[in-house]
Amino acid sequence: MAETIKILQQDHRNLAKLLKALERQVVQFEDSGDADFDIVRGVLDYCLNYPDLCHHPKEDVVFRHLLARDPRVVGVMGDLESEHRKLAAQTRRFAAALHQLLQGKGNAAAWFGETTRDFLEAYWKHMDMEETLFFPIALQELSDEDWQEVDREVGQMVDPLFGGKAEERFKVLRNEILLWDEIAP
């Protein structure tokens, strides 16, 4: 299997951990009006950076190779690059809602809850589509030579949270995820 697809699948497993951490904070916020905003900001910072700047561009390269093989793939799974732009916009709305909440603006609590739930739903739905349609189709349709070209094009980008040593800005979030992994069934 190509190195790029392995990395993309691992990215999804890692992102699932982040989304679960965010879900826990949203539930806590809705129950008590408080949350660990270091974790919420960490998830947001990560999603503004790694998926939008590294992960999705890798998937876009795979998608373009897949389209070159069979343009009908858009009819099966939609336009992946367009989906990535929509997720980026959803992430920016989540950022705006968090900013408004932390600034104590008007009805920010309701908007934060709704926007964060929309963000989570969009990400879960998107990853599910990629896991059930995009990755299997790409693995079936792309040749070894295609995958070698994809691997060359995407190069190696280090994940700032899960790639070995976490960057300083992600330490609180990484500790939360590691702790939850230990206690979760």
N, C-alpha and C. Protein backbone atom coordinates (compact mmCIF):
# COMPACT_ATOMS: atom_id res chain seq x y z
N MET A 1 0.85 -1.18 0.00
CA MET A 1 0.00 0.00 0.00
C MET A 1 0.89 1.24 0.00
N ALA A 2 0.47 2.28 -0.68
CA ALA A 2 1.24 3.52 -0.79
C ALA A 2 1.35 4.21 0.56
N GLU A 3 2.49 4.86 0.74
CA GLU A 3 2.74 5.57 1.99
C GLU A 3 1.70 6.66 2.24
N THR A 4 1.32 7.38 1.20
CA THR A 4 0.37 8.48 1.36
C THR A 4 -0.96 8.00 1.92
N ILE A 5 -1.49 6.90 1.43
CA ILE A 5 -2.79 6.43 1.91
C ILE A 5 -2.69 5.99 3.36
N LYS A 6 -1.57 5.39 3.74
CA LYS A 6 -1.38 5.02 5.15
C LYS A 6 -1.39 6.25 6.04
N ILE A 7 -0.72 7.30 5.60
CA ILE A 7 -0.68 8.55 6.37
C ILE A 7 -2.08 9.16 6.46
N LEU A 8 -2.80 9.16 5.35
CA LEU A 8 -4.15 9.73 5.36
C LEU A 8 -5.07 8.96 6.30
N GLN A 9 -4.96 7.65 6.30
CA GLN A 9 -5.79 6.84 7.20
C GLN A 9 -5.40 7.08 8.66
N GLN A 10 -4.11 7.21 8.95
CA GLN A 10 -3.68 7.52 10.31
C GLN A 10 -4.15 8.91 10.72
N ASP A 11 -4.10 9.86 9.80
CA ASP A 11 -4.61 11.20 10.08
C ASP A 11 -6.07 11.14 10.51
N HIS A 12 -6.86 10.30 9.86
CA HIS A 12 -8.27 10.17 10.22
C HIS A 12 -8.43 9.60 11.63
N ARG A 13 -7.63 8.61 11.96
CA ARG A 13 -7.70 8.05 13.32
C ARG A 13 -7.32 9.11 14.35
N ASN A 14 -6.31 9.90 14.04
CA ASN A 14 -5.89 10.96 14.95
C ASN A 14 -6.96 12.05 15.06
N LEU A 15 -7.51 12.44 13.93
CA LEU A 15 -8.54 13.47 13.94
C LEU A 15 -9.77 13.00 14.70
N ALA A 16 -10.10 11.73 14.61
CA ALA A 16 -11.23 11.18 15.37
C ALA A 16 -11.01 11.39 16.87
N LYS A 17 -9.79 11.22 17.33
CA LYS A 17 -9.49 11.46 18.75
C LYS A 17 -9.74 12.92 19.11
N LEU A 18 -9.34 13.82 18.24
CA LEU A 18 -9.57 15.25 18.49
C LEU A 18 -11.05 15.59 18.50
N LEU A 19 -11.78 15.04 17.55
CA LEU A 19 -13.21 15.32 17.49
C LEU A 19 -13.91 14.80 18.74
N LYS A 20 -13.49 13.65 19.24
CA LYS A 20 -14.08 13.12 20.48
C LYS A 20 -13.73 14.01 21.66
N ALA A 21 -12.50 14.51 21.70
CA ALA A 21 -12.11 15.43 22.78
C ALA A 21 -12.97 16.70 22.72
N LEU A 22 -13.21 17.20 21.52
CA LEU A 22 -14.05 18.39 21.36
C LEU A 22 -15.49 18.08 21.76
N GLU A 23 -16.00 16.92 21.38
CA GLU A 23 -17.35 16.53 21.77
C GLU A 23 -17.50 16.52 23.29
N ARG A 24 -16.50 15.99 23.98
CA ARG A 24 -16.56 15.97 25.45
C ARG A 24 -16.63 17.38 26.01
N GLN A 25 -15.89 18.31 25.41
CA GLN A 25 -15.89 19.69 25.89
C GLN A 25 -17.23 20.37 25.59
N VAL A 26 -17.83 20.07 24.46
CA VAL A 26 -19.13 20.66 24.11
C VAL A 26 -20.20 20.16 25.09
N VAL A 27 -20.18 18.87 25.38
CA VAL A 27 -21.14 18.31 26.35
C VAL A 27 -20.95 18.98 27.70
N GLN A 28 -19.71 19.11 28.12
CA GLN A 28 -19.42 19.76 29.40
C GLN A 28 -19.91 21.21 29.39
N PHE A 29 -19.68 21.91 28.28
CA PHE A 29 -20.12 23.30 28.16
C PHE A 29 -21.64 23.39 28.23
N GLU A 30 -22.33 22.51 27.51
CA GLU A 30 -23.79 22.53 27.50
C GLU A 30 -24.37 22.15 28.86
N ASP A 31 -23.68 21.26 29.58
CA ASP A 31 -24.15 20.84 30.91
C ASP A 31 -23.87 21.88 31.99
N SER A 32 -22.70 22.51 31.94
CA SER A 32 -22.29 23.37 33.05
C SER A 32 -22.00 24.82 32.67
N GLY A 33 -21.96 25.10 31.38
CA GLY A 33 -21.61 26.45 30.95
C GLY A 33 -20.12 26.69 30.96
N ASP A 34 -19.35 25.65 31.19
CA ASP A 34 -17.90 25.78 31.21
C ASP A 34 -17.29 24.63 30.45
N ALA A 35 -16.06 24.82 29.99
CA ALA A 35 -15.31 23.78 29.28
C ALA A 35 -13.84 24.10 29.43
N ASP A 36 -12.99 23.17 29.06
CA ASP A 36 -11.56 23.42 29.04
C ASP A 36 -11.26 24.06 27.69
N PHE A 37 -11.21 25.38 27.68
CA PHE A 37 -11.04 26.09 26.42
C PHE A 37 -9.63 25.97 25.85
N ASP A 38 -8.67 25.53 26.66
CA ASP A 38 -7.35 25.22 26.10
C ASP A 38 -7.48 24.05 25.13
N ILE A 39 -8.30 23.07 25.49
CA ILE A 39 -8.52 21.92 24.61
C ILE A 39 -9.30 22.36 23.37
N VAL A 40 -10.36 23.14 23.57
CA VAL A 40 -11.16 23.61 22.43
C VAL A 40 -10.30 24.42 21.48
N ARG A 41 -9.50 25.34 22.03
CA ARG A 41 -8.60 26.14 21.17
C ARG A 41 -7.56 25.26 20.48
N GLY A 42 -7.08 24.25 21.18
CA GLY A 42 -6.11 23.34 20.58
C GLY A 42 -6.68 22.59 19.40
N VAL A 43 -7.90 22.08 19.54
CA VAL A 43 -8.55 21.39 18.43
C VAL A 43 -8.74 22.35 17.27
N LEU A 44 -9.21 23.55 17.57
CA LEU A 44 -9.42 24.55 16.53
C LEU A 44 -8.10 24.88 15.84
N ASP A 45 -7.07 25.17 16.60
CA ASP A 45 -5.77 25.52 16.04
C ASP A 45 -5.27 24.40 15.13
N TYR A 46 -5.39 23.18 15.61
CA TYR A 46 -4.97 22.03 14.82
C TYR A 46 -5.76 21.96 13.51
N CYS A 47 -7.08 22.11 13.59
CA CYS A 47 -7.93 22.00 12.39
C CYS A 47 -7.72 23.16 11.42
N LEU A 48 -7.35 24.32 11.93
CA LEU A 48 -7.04 25.43 11.05
C LEU A 48 -5.70 25.23 10.35
N ASN A 49 -4.87 24.41 10.92
CA ASN A 49 -3.53 24.23 10.37
C ASN A 49 -3.34 22.90 9.68
N TYR A 50 -3.33 21.80 10.39
CA TYR A 50 -2.93 20.55 9.76
C TYR A 50 -3.91 20.05 8.69
N PRO A 51 -5.19 19.84 8.99
CA PRO A 51 -6.06 19.33 7.92
C PRO A 51 -6.13 20.27 6.71
N ASP A 52 -6.33 21.55 6.96
CA ASP A 52 -6.52 22.48 5.85
C ASP A 52 -5.23 22.75 5.07
N LEU A 53 -4.09 22.69 5.74
CA LEU A 53 -2.84 23.03 5.08
C LEU A 53 -2.01 21.82 4.65
N CYS A 54 -2.25 20.66 5.25
CA CYS A 54 -1.43 19.48 4.93
C CYS A 54 -2.26 18.27 4.49
N HIS A 55 -3.22 17.87 5.33
CA HIS A 55 -3.98 16.64 5.07
C HIS A 55 -4.84 16.76 3.81
N HIS A 56 -5.68 17.77 3.75
CA HIS A 56 -6.57 17.90 2.60
C HIS A 56 -5.82 18.11 1.28
N PRO A 57 -4.73 18.90 1.27
CA PRO A 57 -3.98 18.98 0.01
C PRO A 57 -3.43 17.62 -0.45
N LYS A 58 -3.05 16.75 0.48
CA LYS A 58 -2.62 15.40 0.10
C LYS A 58 -3.77 14.64 -0.54
N GLU A 59 -4.94 14.71 0.08
CA GLU A 59 -6.11 14.03 -0.48
C GLU A 59 -6.46 14.60 -1.85
N ASP A 60 -6.29 15.91 -2.00
CA ASP A 60 -6.59 16.54 -3.29
C ASP A 60 -5.68 16.01 -4.39
N VAL A 61 -4.42 15.75 -4.07
CA VAL A 61 -3.50 15.17 -5.06
C VAL A 61 -4.00 13.78 -5.47
N VAL A 62 -4.38 12.97 -4.49
CA VAL A 62 -4.91 11.63 -4.79
C VAL A 62 -6.16 11.76 -5.66
N PHE A 63 -7.03 12.70 -5.28
CA PHE A 63 -8.28 12.89 -6.02
C PHE A 63 -8.01 13.28 -7.47
N ARG A 64 -7.06 14.18 -7.69
CA ARG A 64 -6.75 14.59 -9.06
C ARG A 64 -6.22 13.40 -9.88
N HIS A 65 -5.41 12.57 -9.27
CA HIS A 65 -4.93 11.37 -9.97
C HIS A 65 -6.11 10.44 -10.28
N LEU A 66 -7.02 10.32 -9.34
CA LEU A 66 -8.18 9.47 -9.54
C LEU A 66 -9.07 10.02 -10.66
N LEU A 67 -9.25 11.33 -10.68
CA LEU A 67 -10.04 11.96 -11.76
C LEU A 67 -9.41 11.74 -13.12
N ALA A 68 -8.08 11.77 -13.17
CA ALA A 68 -7.39 11.54 -14.44
C ALA A 68 -7.66 10.12 -14.94
N ARG A 69 -7.80 9.19 -14.03
CA ARG A 69 -8.10 7.79 -14.40
C ARG A 69 -9.56 7.63 -14.80
N ASP A 70 -10.46 8.27 -14.03
CA ASP A 70 -11.90 8.08 -14.28
C ASP A 70 -12.69 9.28 -13.77
N PRO A 71 -13.00 10.22 -14.65
CA PRO A 71 -13.73 11.44 -14.24
C PRO A 71 -15.12 11.15 -13.66
N ARG A 72 -15.64 9.95 -13.89
CA ARG A 72 -16.97 9.61 -13.37
C ARG A 72 -16.98 9.48 -11.84
N VAL A 73 -15.79 9.45 -11.24
CA VAL A 73 -15.71 9.30 -9.79
C VAL A 73 -16.45 10.44 -9.07
N VAL A 74 -16.52 11.62 -9.69
CA VAL A 74 -17.23 12.75 -9.08
C VAL A 74 -18.70 12.41 -8.89
N GLY A 75 -19.27 11.67 -9.81
CA GLY A 75 -20.67 11.26 -9.69
C GLY A 75 -20.91 10.30 -8.54
N VAL A 76 -19.88 9.57 -8.15
CA VAL A 76 -20.00 8.60 -7.06
C VAL A 76 -19.81 9.27 -5.70
N MET A 77 -18.81 10.13 -5.59
CA MET A 77 -18.46 10.67 -4.28
C MET A 77 -18.50 12.18 -4.19
N GLY A 78 -18.76 12.86 -5.29
CA GLY A 78 -18.77 14.31 -5.26
C GLY A 78 -17.39 14.88 -5.52
N ASP A 79 -17.30 16.20 -5.47
CA ASP A 79 -16.06 16.92 -5.72
C ASP A 79 -15.32 17.10 -4.40
N LEU A 80 -14.30 16.30 -4.19
CA LEU A 80 -13.58 16.30 -2.91
C LEU A 80 -12.93 17.66 -2.62
N GLU A 81 -12.38 18.29 -3.62
CA GLU A 81 -11.74 19.59 -3.39
C GLU A 81 -12.76 20.62 -2.92
N SER A 82 -13.95 20.58 -3.48
CA SER A 82 -15.03 21.47 -3.04
C SER A 82 -15.43 21.16 -1.60
N GLU A 83 -15.50 19.88 -1.27
CA GLU A 83 -15.81 19.48 0.11
C GLU A 83 -14.76 20.02 1.08
N HIS A 84 -13.51 19.99 0.68
CA HIS A 84 -12.45 20.50 1.55
C HIS A 84 -12.59 22.01 1.75
N ARG A 85 -12.99 22.72 0.72
CA ARG A 85 -13.21 24.17 0.87
C ARG A 85 -14.38 24.43 1.84
N LYS A 86 -15.42 23.61 1.74
CA LYS A 86 -16.56 23.76 2.66
C LYS A 86 -16.14 23.48 4.10
N LEU A 87 -15.32 22.45 4.31
CA LEU A 87 -14.83 22.16 5.67
C LEU A 87 -13.98 23.31 6.20
N ALA A 88 -13.16 23.89 5.35
CA ALA A 88 -12.34 25.03 5.78
C ALA A 88 -13.23 26.19 6.21
N ALA A 89 -14.30 26.44 5.46
CA ALA A 89 -15.24 27.50 5.82
C ALA A 89 -15.94 27.17 7.15
N GLN A 90 -16.32 25.92 7.32
CA GLN A 90 -16.95 25.47 8.56
C GLN A 90 -15.99 25.66 9.75
N THR A 91 -14.73 25.38 9.53
CA THR A 91 -13.72 25.57 10.58
C THR A 91 -13.58 27.04 10.94
N ARG A 92 -13.62 27.91 9.95
CA ARG A 92 -13.54 29.35 10.23
C ARG A 92 -14.78 29.84 10.99
N ARG A 93 -15.97 29.28 10.70
CA ARG A 93 -17.17 29.64 11.46
C ARG A 93 -17.03 29.19 12.91
N PHE A 94 -16.49 28.00 13.11
CA PHE A 94 -16.22 27.49 14.46
C PHE A 94 -15.26 28.43 15.17
N ALA A 95 -14.22 28.90 14.48
CA ALA A 95 -13.26 29.84 15.07
C ALA A 95 -13.95 31.14 15.47
N ALA A 96 -14.82 31.63 14.60
CA ALA A 96 -15.54 32.88 14.90
C ALA A 96 -16.46 32.70 16.10
N ALA A 97 -17.15 31.57 16.17
CA ALA A 97 -18.05 31.31 17.30
C ALA A 97 -17.28 31.22 18.61
N LEU A 98 -16.14 30.56 18.59
CA LEU A 98 -15.32 30.47 19.80
C LEU A 98 -14.82 31.85 20.20
N HIS A 99 -14.38 32.62 19.24
CA HIS A 99 -13.90 33.98 19.53
C HIS A 99 -15.01 34.82 20.17
N GLN A 100 -16.21 34.76 19.57
CA GLN A 100 -17.33 35.52 20.12
C GLN A 100 -17.66 35.07 21.55
N LEU A 101 -17.64 33.78 21.78
CA LEU A 101 -17.92 33.24 23.11
C LEU A 101 -16.90 33.73 24.12
N LEU A 102 -15.64 33.64 23.77
CA LEU A 102 -14.58 34.04 24.71
C LEU A 102 -14.57 35.54 24.93
N GLN A 103 -15.13 36.31 23.99
CA GLN A 103 -15.25 37.76 24.15
C GLN A 103 -16.52 38.15 24.90
N GLY A 104 -17.37 37.17 25.21
CA GLY A 104 -18.60 37.43 25.95
C GLY A 104 -19.64 38.19 25.15
N LYS A 105 -19.68 37.98 23.86
CA LYS A 105 -20.61 38.72 22.99
C LYS A 105 -22.01 38.12 23.04
N GLY A 106 -22.99 38.94 23.23
CA GLY A 106 -24.41 38.63 23.13
C GLY A 106 -24.82 37.19 23.35
N ASN A 107 -25.40 36.62 22.31
CA ASN A 107 -25.93 35.26 22.36
C ASN A 107 -24.87 34.25 21.89
N ALA A 108 -23.62 34.50 22.26
CA ALA A 108 -22.50 33.70 21.76
C ALA A 108 -22.55 32.25 22.21
N ALA A 109 -23.08 31.99 23.40
CA ALA A 109 -23.10 30.61 23.91
C ALA A 109 -23.94 29.70 23.01
N ALA A 110 -25.10 30.17 22.61
CA ALA A 110 -25.96 29.36 21.75
C ALA A 110 -25.31 29.17 20.38
N TRP A 111 -24.74 30.25 19.84
CA TRP A 111 -24.10 30.17 18.53
C TRP A 111 -22.89 29.23 18.59
N PHE A 112 -22.12 29.31 19.67
CA PHE A 112 -20.96 28.43 19.84
C PHE A 112 -21.41 26.97 19.85
N GLY A 113 -22.41 26.65 20.64
CA GLY A 113 -22.89 25.27 20.71
C GLY A 113 -23.36 24.76 19.37
N GLU A 114 -24.17 25.56 18.69
CA GLU A 114 -24.71 25.16 17.38
C GLU A 114 -23.61 25.03 16.33
N THR A 115 -22.72 26.00 16.29
CA THR A 115 -21.64 26.00 15.30
C THR A 115 -20.67 24.86 15.54
N THR A 116 -20.37 24.59 16.79
CA THR A 116 -19.46 23.50 17.11
C THR A 116 -20.08 22.16 16.75
N ARG A 117 -21.36 21.99 17.03
CA ARG A 117 -22.05 20.75 16.65
C ARG A 117 -22.06 20.59 15.12
N ASP A 118 -22.30 21.69 14.40
CA ASP A 118 -22.27 21.64 12.93
C ASP A 118 -20.87 21.26 12.42
N PHE A 119 -19.86 21.85 13.04
CA PHE A 119 -18.47 21.55 12.68
C PHE A 119 -18.18 20.06 12.88
N LEU A 120 -18.56 19.55 14.05
CA LEU A 120 -18.33 18.13 14.35
C LEU A 120 -19.07 17.23 13.36
N GLU A 121 -20.32 17.53 13.10
CA GLU A 121 -21.11 16.72 12.17
C GLU A 121 -20.49 16.73 10.77
N ALA A 122 -20.06 17.90 10.32
CA ALA A 122 -19.46 18.01 8.99
C ALA A 122 -18.18 17.18 8.89
N TYR A 123 -17.35 17.25 9.93
CA TYR A 123 -16.11 16.48 9.90
C TYR A 123 -16.37 14.97 9.94
N TRP A 124 -17.27 14.55 10.84
CA TRP A 124 -17.56 13.11 10.91
C TRP A 124 -18.11 12.59 9.58
N LYS A 125 -19.04 13.34 9.00
CA LYS A 125 -19.65 12.94 7.73
C LYS A 125 -18.59 12.89 6.62
N HIS A 126 -17.75 13.88 6.58
CA HIS A 126 -16.71 13.94 5.55
C HIS A 126 -15.74 12.76 5.68
N MET A 127 -15.28 12.51 6.89
CA MET A 127 -14.33 11.40 7.08
C MET A 127 -14.98 10.06 6.75
N ASP A 128 -16.25 9.92 7.09
CA ASP A 128 -16.95 8.67 6.77
C ASP A 128 -17.01 8.46 5.26
N MET A 129 -17.32 9.53 4.52
CA MET A 129 -17.37 9.42 3.06
C MET A 129 -16.00 9.02 2.52
N GLU A 130 -14.95 9.63 3.04
CA GLU A 130 -13.62 9.30 2.55
C GLU A 130 -13.24 7.85 2.87
N GLU A 131 -13.57 7.41 4.08
CA GLU A 131 -13.23 6.05 4.49
C GLU A 131 -14.03 5.00 3.73
N THR A 132 -15.29 5.29 3.44
CA THR A 132 -16.14 4.28 2.80
C THR A 132 -16.14 4.37 1.27
N LEU A 133 -15.86 5.53 0.71
CA LEU A 133 -15.87 5.69 -0.75
C LEU A 133 -14.50 6.05 -1.33
N PHE A 134 -13.98 7.19 -0.92
CA PHE A 134 -12.78 7.74 -1.55
C PHE A 134 -11.57 6.82 -1.42
N PHE A 135 -11.21 6.44 -0.20
CA PHE A 135 -10.02 5.60 -0.03
C PHE A 135 -10.15 4.26 -0.75
N PRO A 136 -11.29 3.55 -0.58
CA PRO A 136 -11.40 2.27 -1.30
C PRO A 136 -11.34 2.42 -2.83
N ILE A 137 -11.99 3.47 -3.36
CA ILE A 137 -11.95 3.67 -4.81
C ILE A 137 -10.52 3.98 -5.26
N ALA A 138 -9.85 4.85 -4.51
CA ALA A 138 -8.47 5.20 -4.88
C ALA A 138 -7.57 3.97 -4.83
N LEU A 139 -7.71 3.16 -3.79
CA LEU A 139 -6.89 1.96 -3.68
C LEU A 139 -7.17 0.98 -4.82
N GLN A 140 -8.41 0.93 -5.25
CA GLN A 140 -8.77 0.01 -6.33
C GLN A 140 -8.32 0.52 -7.70
N GLU A 141 -8.49 1.81 -7.93
CA GLU A 141 -8.30 2.36 -9.27
C GLU A 141 -6.88 2.83 -9.58
N LEU A 142 -6.14 3.29 -8.59
CA LEU A 142 -4.81 3.84 -8.87
C LEU A 142 -3.78 2.71 -8.91
N SER A 143 -2.89 2.82 -9.86
CA SER A 143 -1.83 1.83 -10.03
C SER A 143 -0.68 2.11 -9.06
N ASP A 144 0.24 1.17 -8.98
CA ASP A 144 1.44 1.38 -8.17
C ASP A 144 2.21 2.61 -8.65
N GLU A 145 2.24 2.79 -9.96
CA GLU A 145 2.93 3.96 -10.52
C GLU A 145 2.22 5.25 -10.13
N ASP A 146 0.88 5.23 -10.12
CA ASP A 146 0.11 6.40 -9.68
C ASP A 146 0.47 6.74 -8.24
N TRP A 147 0.50 5.72 -7.39
CA TRP A 147 0.79 5.95 -5.97
C TRP A 147 2.21 6.47 -5.77
N GLN A 148 3.14 5.98 -6.56
CA GLN A 148 4.51 6.49 -6.46
C GLN A 148 4.55 7.97 -6.82
N GLU A 149 3.81 8.34 -7.86
CA GLU A 149 3.74 9.76 -8.25
C GLU A 149 3.05 10.59 -7.15
N VAL A 150 1.97 10.06 -6.59
CA VAL A 150 1.29 10.75 -5.48
C VAL A 150 2.27 10.96 -4.33
N ASP A 151 2.98 9.90 -3.95
CA ASP A 151 3.94 10.00 -2.84
C ASP A 151 4.99 11.08 -3.12
N ARG A 152 5.46 11.15 -4.35
CA ARG A 152 6.45 12.19 -4.71
C ARG A 152 5.83 13.58 -4.62
N GLU A 153 4.61 13.72 -5.10
CA GLU A 153 3.97 15.04 -5.11
C GLU A 153 3.68 15.56 -3.71
N VAL A 154 3.23 14.69 -2.82
CA VAL A 154 2.82 15.19 -1.50
C VAL A 154 4.00 15.39 -0.56
N GLY A 155 5.10 14.68 -0.80
CA GLY A 155 6.25 14.83 0.08
C GLY A 155 5.93 14.42 1.51
N GLN A 156 6.73 14.87 2.43
CA GLN A 156 6.55 14.52 3.84
C GLN A 156 6.27 15.77 4.65
N MET A 157 5.09 15.85 5.20
CA MET A 157 4.72 16.95 6.09
C MET A 157 4.52 16.35 7.47
N VAL A 158 5.10 16.97 8.48
CA VAL A 158 5.04 16.43 9.83
C VAL A 158 3.80 16.97 10.54
N ASP A 159 3.05 16.08 11.13
CA ASP A 159 1.86 16.44 11.91
C ASP A 159 2.32 17.14 13.19
N PRO A 160 1.87 18.39 13.44
CA PRO A 160 2.36 19.13 14.60
C PRO A 160 1.86 18.61 15.95
N LEU A 161 0.87 17.74 15.95
CA LEU A 161 0.34 17.19 17.20
C LEU A 161 0.73 15.73 17.37
N PHE A 162 0.54 14.93 16.35
CA PHE A 162 0.74 13.50 16.45
C PHE A 162 2.07 13.03 15.85
N GLY A 163 2.78 13.90 15.19
CA GLY A 163 4.02 13.52 14.51
C GLY A 163 5.22 13.56 15.43
N GLY A 164 5.36 12.55 16.26
CA GLY A 164 6.50 12.50 17.18
C GLY A 164 6.27 13.42 18.37
N LYS A 165 7.12 14.41 18.53
CA LYS A 165 7.00 15.35 19.64
C LYS A 165 6.02 16.46 19.28
N ALA A 166 5.01 16.65 20.13
CA ALA A 166 4.00 17.69 19.86
C ALA A 166 4.61 19.07 20.00
N GLU A 167 4.19 19.97 19.11
CA GLU A 167 4.60 21.36 19.24
C GLU A 167 4.06 21.90 20.56
N GLU A 168 4.74 22.88 21.11
CA GLU A 168 4.39 23.45 22.41
C GLU A 168 2.92 23.84 22.50
N ARG A 169 2.39 24.43 21.44
CA ARG A 169 1.00 24.91 21.46
C ARG A 169 -0.01 23.78 21.56
N PHE A 170 0.41 22.54 21.30
CA PHE A 170 -0.51 21.41 21.33
C PHE A 170 -0.31 20.49 22.54
N LYS A 171 0.54 20.86 23.49
CA LYS A 171 0.85 19.95 24.60
C LYS A 171 -0.37 19.64 25.47
N VAL A 172 -1.17 20.65 25.81
CA VAL A 172 -2.36 20.42 26.64
C VAL A 172 -3.31 19.47 25.93
N LEU A 173 -3.53 19.70 24.66
CA LEU A 173 -4.43 18.86 23.87
C LEU A 173 -3.89 17.44 23.77
N ARG A 174 -2.62 17.29 23.51
CA ARG A 174 -2.03 15.94 23.41
C ARG A 174 -2.16 15.20 24.74
N ASN A 175 -1.91 15.89 25.85
CA ASN A 175 -2.05 15.26 27.16
C ASN A 175 -3.48 14.80 27.41
N GLU A 176 -4.46 15.62 27.02
CA GLU A 176 -5.88 15.25 27.16
C GLU A 176 -6.19 14.00 26.35
N ILE A 177 -5.70 13.95 25.14
CA ILE A 177 -5.97 12.80 24.28
C ILE A 177 -5.31 11.54 24.83
N LEU A 178 -4.07 11.66 25.27
CA LEU A 178 -3.38 10.51 25.83
C LEU A 178 -4.07 10.01 27.09
N LEU A 179 -4.50 10.93 27.95
CA LEU A 179 -5.20 10.56 29.17
C LEU A 179 -6.51 9.85 28.82
N TRP A 180 -7.27 10.41 27.89
CA TRP A 180 -8.54 9.81 27.50
C TRP A 180 -8.33 8.44 26.89
N ASP A 181 -7.29 8.28 26.08
CA ASP A 181 -6.98 6.97 25.49
C ASP A 181 -6.72 5.92 26.58
N GLU A 182 -6.12 6.35 27.68
CA GLU A 182 -5.82 5.41 28.79
C GLU A 182 -7.08 4.97 29.50
N ILE A 183 -8.06 5.88 29.68
CA ILE A 183 -9.23 5.55 30.49
C ILE A 183 -10.43 5.10 29.67
N ALA A 184 -10.42 5.41 28.36
CA ALA A 184 -11.56 5.03 27.51
C ALA A 184 -11.52 3.52 27.22
N PRO A 185 -12.68 2.90 27.17
CA PRO A 185 -12.70 1.46 26.86
C PRO A 185 -12.24 1.17 25.45
